[in-house]
Amino acid sequence: MKTQLLCIVLFTAPAIGLAAEPDVVLDVWPGKPPGEMKEIGPEKAETVTDVKTIIRVSNVSKPTISVYKPENPNGAAVVICPGGGYHILAWDLEGTEVAEWLNENGVTGIVLKYRVPRRDKLTFWKPPLQDAQRAMSLVRSKADEWGLDPERIGVLGFSAGGNLTVRTATQFGERMYESIDEVDEVSCRPDFALPIYAAYLSGEDALSAKSTLNVPEDTPPMFMVHTFDDGRDGKRASTHVNGVMMFGMALRDADVPFEMHVFPTGGHGYGLRPSEHAVTGWPKLAEVWMQKNGVIPEAE
């Protein structure tokens, strides 16, 4: 697949309804997650309306994976990382609604409930990355049981979840915790990755050059989406497109296949929900990319 930098195409986004109950819910860890030293209060899930209505999950100390199986599975699976600034999880907007879309394409959608809020200022990303690495290994270890192709298991995330997606796709060579059991003997490397309006790739919360911009040669193929007005309002400097463009250059320098779509407008936090902006067509572009990369069958 040839590297592509910019493309602006308009499609109509799919209508997204409420997701069904998951087929399987599993704890990510057999006991207390690594590094957990204190109680953070009970987990909460609440429906809030700001610009849009979302289900907001907070105070996660017991990570889980919720597995949504399609009616006509094709063997591929995607671990979904909702965003929320590493403070909360936008559970439906960037989680269950995405699983529903993937199911429509025959892909098993697996929503990761990773630890939030941030445990500390300097390595706020580490507990979520531990959860994501363990989740990737756990899903791959279940490939036979769940009818999955162990070589078609990817990761997709939005905003902070996009940051987590980038980390999962580039830092698989070093597990961020001591191995616990046979699950940790299974690879945590994603076979493909889709960071969507990934945050914290520039600015004071940016990924370090060591952990991100020095992209390993075996980094999986990536599909990225962003908008030029993401972060221009002065309130979301850490989501600015510059970081995504810089990361794209690092992928190019490492000869890692990727496709990047940067749209003029659309802001941040749109998920799959339709709007008047051209970026609303990104799911169709992602479907084409997944077809070209063998994740889902070519359209007839």
Protein backbone atom coordinates (compact mmCIF):
# COMPACT_ATOMS: atom_id res chain seq x y z
CA MET A 1 0.00 0.00 0.00
CA LYS A 2 1.42 3.38 -0.97
CA THR A 3 1.70 6.19 1.53
CA GLN A 4 -0.97 8.86 1.13
CA LEU A 5 -0.96 12.16 2.98
CA LEU A 6 -4.05 14.19 2.18
CA CYS A 7 -7.42 13.30 0.72
CA ILE A 8 -10.80 14.98 1.07
CA VAL A 9 -13.84 12.96 0.03
CA LEU A 10 -17.51 13.34 0.95
CA PHE A 11 -19.72 10.40 1.86
CA THR A 12 -22.83 10.08 3.96
CA ALA A 13 -22.06 8.64 7.39
CA PRO A 14 -24.04 5.61 8.53
CA ALA A 15 -26.90 6.07 10.95
CA ILE A 16 -25.92 4.67 14.31
CA GLY A 17 -28.40 3.28 16.82
CA LEU A 18 -28.04 1.86 20.28
CA ALA A 19 -25.77 -1.17 20.49
CA ALA A 20 -27.13 -4.47 21.76
CA GLU A 21 -25.81 -6.08 24.92
CA PRO A 22 -22.31 -7.53 24.46
CA ASP A 23 -21.99 -11.22 23.78
CA VAL A 24 -19.08 -11.57 26.20
CA VAL A 25 -17.61 -9.37 28.95
CA LEU A 26 -14.23 -10.37 30.38
CA ASP A 27 -11.96 -8.85 33.00
CA VAL A 28 -8.68 -7.78 31.43
CA TRP A 29 -6.68 -8.78 34.53
CA PRO A 30 -7.05 -11.93 36.68
CA GLY A 31 -6.69 -9.78 39.83
CA LYS A 32 -5.82 -6.18 40.65
CA PRO A 33 -4.22 -4.38 37.67
CA PRO A 34 -0.49 -3.61 37.94
CA GLY A 35 0.45 -0.46 39.80
CA GLU A 36 -2.93 0.14 41.43
CA MET A 37 -2.16 1.50 44.90
CA LYS A 38 -5.31 3.28 46.06
CA GLU A 39 -9.08 3.32 45.70
CA ILE A 40 -10.56 5.93 43.34
CA GLY A 41 -14.22 5.50 44.20
CA PRO A 42 -17.02 3.53 42.54
CA GLU A 43 -17.23 3.30 38.77
CA LYS A 44 -19.89 5.55 37.23
CA ALA A 45 -21.82 5.55 33.96
CA GLU A 46 -23.98 8.59 33.29
CA THR A 47 -25.71 10.09 30.28
CA VAL A 48 -24.72 13.72 29.76
CA THR A 49 -25.65 16.31 27.17
CA ASP A 50 -23.22 19.05 26.21
CA VAL A 51 -22.85 19.62 22.48
CA LYS A 52 -24.06 16.03 22.02
CA THR A 53 -25.54 13.34 24.24
CA ILE A 54 -23.11 10.63 25.31
CA ILE A 55 -22.72 7.93 27.93
CA ARG A 56 -19.75 8.93 30.06
CA VAL A 57 -17.94 6.24 32.08
CA SER A 58 -15.60 7.32 34.87
CA ASN A 59 -13.62 5.95 37.82
CA VAL A 60 -12.54 2.76 36.05
CA SER A 61 -10.28 0.62 38.21
CA LYS A 62 -11.38 -2.79 36.87
CA PRO A 63 -10.68 -2.88 33.11
CA THR A 64 -12.86 -5.10 30.93
CA ILE A 65 -13.40 -6.02 27.30
CA SER A 66 -16.95 -6.12 25.94
CA VAL A 67 -17.20 -8.35 22.88
CA TYR A 68 -19.79 -7.66 20.17
CA LYS A 69 -20.02 -10.44 17.59
CA PRO A 70 -21.42 -9.83 14.07
CA GLU A 71 -24.14 -11.94 12.50
CA ASN A 72 -21.82 -12.84 9.62
CA PRO A 73 -18.28 -12.83 11.01
CA ASN A 74 -15.32 -12.70 8.64
CA GLY A 75 -12.69 -13.54 11.28
CA ALA A 76 -11.35 -10.02 11.84
CA ALA A 77 -11.57 -8.25 15.20
CA VAL A 78 -10.85 -4.73 16.45
CA VAL A 79 -10.12 -3.61 20.01
CA ILE A 80 -11.85 -0.21 20.39
CA CYS A 81 -10.42 2.47 22.69
CA PRO A 82 -12.96 5.22 23.48
CA GLY A 83 -11.62 8.71 24.08
CA GLY A 84 -12.17 11.13 26.93
CA GLY A 85 -8.88 12.86 27.67
CA TYR A 86 -7.71 9.93 29.81
CA HIS A 87 -10.23 11.32 32.33
CA ILE A 88 -13.45 9.55 31.26
CA LEU A 89 -14.58 7.21 28.45
CA ALA A 90 -17.10 8.30 25.80
CA TRP A 91 -18.63 4.85 25.99
CA ASP A 92 -21.28 4.96 23.27
CA LEU A 93 -20.01 7.72 20.95
CA GLU A 94 -16.54 6.21 20.62
CA GLY A 95 -17.17 2.66 21.80
CA THR A 96 -20.40 0.70 21.37
CA GLU A 97 -21.52 2.66 18.30
CA VAL A 98 -18.19 1.80 16.69
CA ALA A 99 -18.66 -1.88 17.54
CA GLU A 100 -22.03 -1.76 15.78
CA TRP A 101 -20.47 -0.26 12.65
CA LEU A 102 -17.73 -2.90 12.65
CA ASN A 103 -20.34 -5.65 13.09
CA GLU A 104 -22.09 -4.39 9.95
CA ASN A 105 -18.82 -5.15 8.14
CA GLY A 106 -18.46 -8.63 9.64
CA VAL A 107 -15.82 -7.53 12.17
CA THR A 108 -15.97 -8.46 15.85
CA GLY A 109 -15.95 -5.23 17.86
CA ILE A 110 -14.30 -5.37 21.28
CA VAL A 111 -14.71 -2.26 23.46
CA LEU A 112 -11.91 -1.79 25.96
CA LYS A 113 -12.84 -0.19 29.26
CA TYR A 114 -9.39 1.00 30.31
CA ARG A 115 -8.41 2.74 33.51
CA VAL A 116 -9.45 6.37 33.99
CA PRO A 117 -8.97 9.01 35.30
CA ARG A 118 -5.25 9.72 35.06
CA ARG A 119 -3.26 8.23 37.92
CA ASP A 120 -0.43 10.78 37.71
CA LYS A 121 0.71 13.73 35.61
CA LEU A 122 3.89 12.33 34.08
CA THR A 123 2.90 8.82 32.97
CA PHE A 124 -0.87 9.22 32.74
CA TRP A 125 -0.84 6.97 29.69
CA LYS A 126 0.88 3.97 31.32
CA PRO A 127 -2.05 2.24 33.08
CA PRO A 128 -4.23 2.48 29.92
CA LEU A 129 -1.35 1.14 27.81
CA GLN A 130 -0.92 -1.76 30.21
CA ASP A 131 -4.64 -2.47 29.82
CA ALA A 132 -4.46 -2.22 26.02
CA GLN A 133 -1.43 -4.50 25.73
CA ARG A 134 -3.06 -7.10 27.96
CA ALA A 135 -6.34 -6.78 26.03
CA MET A 136 -4.60 -7.39 22.70
CA SER A 137 -2.95 -10.54 24.06
CA LEU A 138 -6.19 -11.68 25.70
CA VAL A 139 -8.21 -11.31 22.50
CA ARG A 140 -5.58 -13.09 20.43
CA SER A 141 -5.44 -15.91 23.01
CA LYS A 142 -9.20 -16.38 22.45
CA ALA A 143 -8.91 -16.51 18.65
CA ASP A 144 -9.78 -20.20 18.29
CA GLU A 145 -12.61 -20.03 20.82
CA TRP A 146 -14.15 -16.93 19.22
CA GLY A 147 -13.52 -17.89 15.58
CA LEU A 148 -11.01 -15.10 14.95
CA ASP A 149 -8.02 -14.94 12.63
CA PRO A 150 -5.09 -14.20 15.00
CA GLU A 151 -3.39 -12.27 12.18
CA ARG A 152 -6.36 -9.91 11.63
CA ILE A 153 -6.75 -8.35 15.06
CA GLY A 154 -6.39 -4.57 15.11
CA VAL A 155 -6.92 -1.56 17.33
CA LEU A 156 -8.98 1.60 16.79
CA GLY A 157 -9.35 4.62 19.04
CA PHE A 158 -10.52 8.21 19.23
CA SER A 159 -8.84 11.28 20.77
CA ALA A 160 -7.09 10.01 23.94
CA GLY A 161 -8.10 6.54 22.71
CA GLY A 162 -6.36 7.44 19.44
CA ASN A 163 -3.27 8.30 21.44
CA LEU A 164 -3.60 4.92 23.15
CA THR A 165 -4.00 3.30 19.72
CA VAL A 166 -0.74 4.88 18.53
CA ARG A 167 1.05 3.74 21.66
CA THR A 168 -0.31 0.19 21.35
CA ALA A 169 0.77 0.06 17.70
CA THR A 170 4.31 1.33 18.33
CA GLN A 171 5.26 0.14 21.82
CA PHE A 172 4.40 -3.55 21.51
CA GLY A 173 8.09 -4.48 21.71
CA GLU A 174 8.20 -3.68 25.42
CA ARG A 175 5.38 -4.86 27.65
CA MET A 176 4.62 -2.19 30.24
CA TYR A 177 4.18 -4.71 33.08
CA GLU A 178 5.65 -7.94 34.39
CA SER A 179 4.13 -11.00 32.70
CA ILE A 180 1.45 -12.68 34.80
CA ASP A 181 0.40 -15.85 32.99
CA GLU A 182 0.25 -17.65 29.64
CA VAL A 183 -1.90 -14.87 28.13
CA ASP A 184 1.12 -12.58 28.30
CA GLU A 185 3.09 -15.04 26.18
CA VAL A 186 0.77 -14.16 23.28
CA SER A 187 1.76 -11.20 21.08
CA CYS A 188 0.23 -7.82 21.93
CA ARG A 189 1.13 -6.34 18.52
CA PRO A 190 -1.93 -5.16 16.55
CA ASP A 191 -2.09 -6.28 12.92
CA PHE A 192 -3.48 -2.88 11.90
CA ALA A 193 -4.40 0.36 13.62
CA LEU A 194 -6.88 3.21 13.11
CA PRO A 195 -6.15 6.27 15.28
CA ILE A 196 -9.03 8.72 14.70
CA TYR A 197 -8.48 12.39 15.69
CA ALA A 198 -5.66 11.18 17.94
CA ALA A 199 -4.77 13.54 20.77
CA TYR A 200 -1.53 14.38 22.62
CA LEU A 201 0.81 13.90 19.68
CA SER A 202 2.08 17.47 20.08
CA GLY A 203 2.33 20.00 22.88
CA GLU A 204 3.25 19.47 26.52
CA ASP A 205 1.38 16.15 26.73
CA ALA A 206 3.01 14.79 23.57
CA LEU A 207 4.40 11.32 23.21
CA SER A 208 8.15 11.29 23.57
CA ALA A 209 10.32 10.88 20.49
CA LYS A 210 11.69 7.66 21.97
CA SER A 211 8.29 6.03 22.38
CA THR A 212 6.54 7.25 19.26
CA LEU A 213 8.43 9.11 16.59
CA ASN A 214 11.11 6.42 16.45
CA VAL A 215 8.60 4.10 14.83
CA PRO A 216 9.61 0.41 14.77
CA GLU A 217 9.96 -1.08 11.31
CA ASP A 218 7.27 -3.66 12.10
CA THR A 219 4.71 -1.06 13.15
CA PRO A 220 1.39 -2.21 11.63
CA PRO A 221 -0.32 -0.36 8.75
CA MET A 222 -2.34 2.65 9.88
CA PHE A 223 -5.39 4.63 8.82
CA MET A 224 -5.67 8.14 10.30
CA VAL A 225 -8.32 10.87 10.26
CA HIS A 226 -8.10 14.45 11.49
CA THR A 227 -9.33 17.97 10.73
CA PHE A 228 -7.42 21.20 10.33
CA ASP A 229 -9.68 23.02 12.79
CA ASP A 230 -9.20 20.47 15.58
CA GLY A 231 -7.54 22.43 18.37
CA ARG A 232 -7.80 25.86 16.73
CA ASP A 233 -10.29 27.11 19.33
CA GLY A 234 -7.54 27.42 21.94
CA LYS A 235 -9.15 24.84 24.20
CA ARG A 236 -7.79 21.68 22.63
CA ALA A 237 -4.19 22.51 21.77
CA SER A 238 -3.16 18.93 22.51
CA THR A 239 -5.44 17.63 19.74
CA HIS A 240 -3.90 19.83 17.08
CA VAL A 241 -3.38 18.35 13.66
CA ASN A 242 0.34 19.21 13.69
CA GLY A 243 1.10 16.26 15.94
CA VAL A 244 -0.71 13.86 13.63
CA MET A 245 1.15 15.23 10.60
CA MET A 246 4.47 14.84 12.44
CA PHE A 247 3.58 11.28 13.33
CA GLY A 248 2.72 10.62 9.68
CA MET A 249 6.20 11.80 8.68
CA ALA A 250 7.70 9.41 11.23
CA LEU A 251 5.70 6.56 9.72
CA ARG A 252 6.89 7.53 6.26
CA ASP A 253 10.53 7.68 7.40
CA ALA A 254 10.17 4.19 8.86
CA ASP A 255 8.57 2.97 5.60
CA VAL A 256 5.41 1.95 7.44
CA PRO A 257 2.31 1.89 5.17
CA PHE A 258 -0.32 4.41 6.18
CA GLU A 259 -3.22 6.43 4.86
CA MET A 260 -4.06 9.85 6.26
CA HIS A 261 -7.17 11.94 5.61
CA VAL A 262 -7.13 15.52 6.84
CA PHE A 263 -10.35 17.48 6.32
CA PRO A 264 -10.75 21.26 6.47
CA THR A 265 -13.44 21.35 9.18
CA GLY A 266 -15.24 19.14 11.64
CA GLY A 267 -13.50 19.86 14.92
CA HIS A 268 -13.16 17.08 17.45
CA GLY A 269 -15.21 14.33 19.05
CA TYR A 270 -17.60 13.48 16.21
CA GLY A 271 -17.26 9.70 16.34
CA LEU A 272 -19.41 8.15 13.61
CA ARG A 273 -22.32 10.54 14.05
CA PRO A 274 -23.25 12.43 10.86
CA SER A 275 -22.72 16.16 10.45
CA GLU A 276 -22.59 18.75 7.68
CA HIS A 277 -18.79 18.41 7.48
CA ALA A 278 -16.99 16.28 4.90
CA VAL A 279 -15.18 14.39 7.67
CA THR A 280 -18.48 12.61 8.36
CA GLY A 281 -17.56 10.29 5.49
CA TRP A 282 -14.49 8.85 7.18
CA PRO A 283 -16.11 5.45 7.99
CA LYS A 284 -16.57 4.69 4.28
CA LEU A 285 -12.95 5.60 3.63
CA ALA A 286 -11.93 3.30 6.48
CA GLU A 287 -13.98 0.47 5.00
CA VAL A 288 -12.19 0.84 1.66
CA TRP A 289 -8.82 0.87 3.46
CA MET A 290 -9.74 -2.26 5.42
CA GLN A 291 -10.76 -3.97 2.19
CA LYS A 292 -7.46 -3.10 0.54
CA ASN A 293 -5.55 -4.39 3.56
CA GLY A 294 -7.38 -7.72 3.79
CA VAL A 295 -9.25 -6.91 7.00
CA ILE A 296 -12.68 -7.21 5.39
CA PRO A 297 -13.66 -8.70 2.01
CA GLU A 298 -13.70 -6.55 -1.09
CA ALA A 299 -17.12 -5.14 -1.91
CA GLU A 300 -18.93 -7.16 -4.58
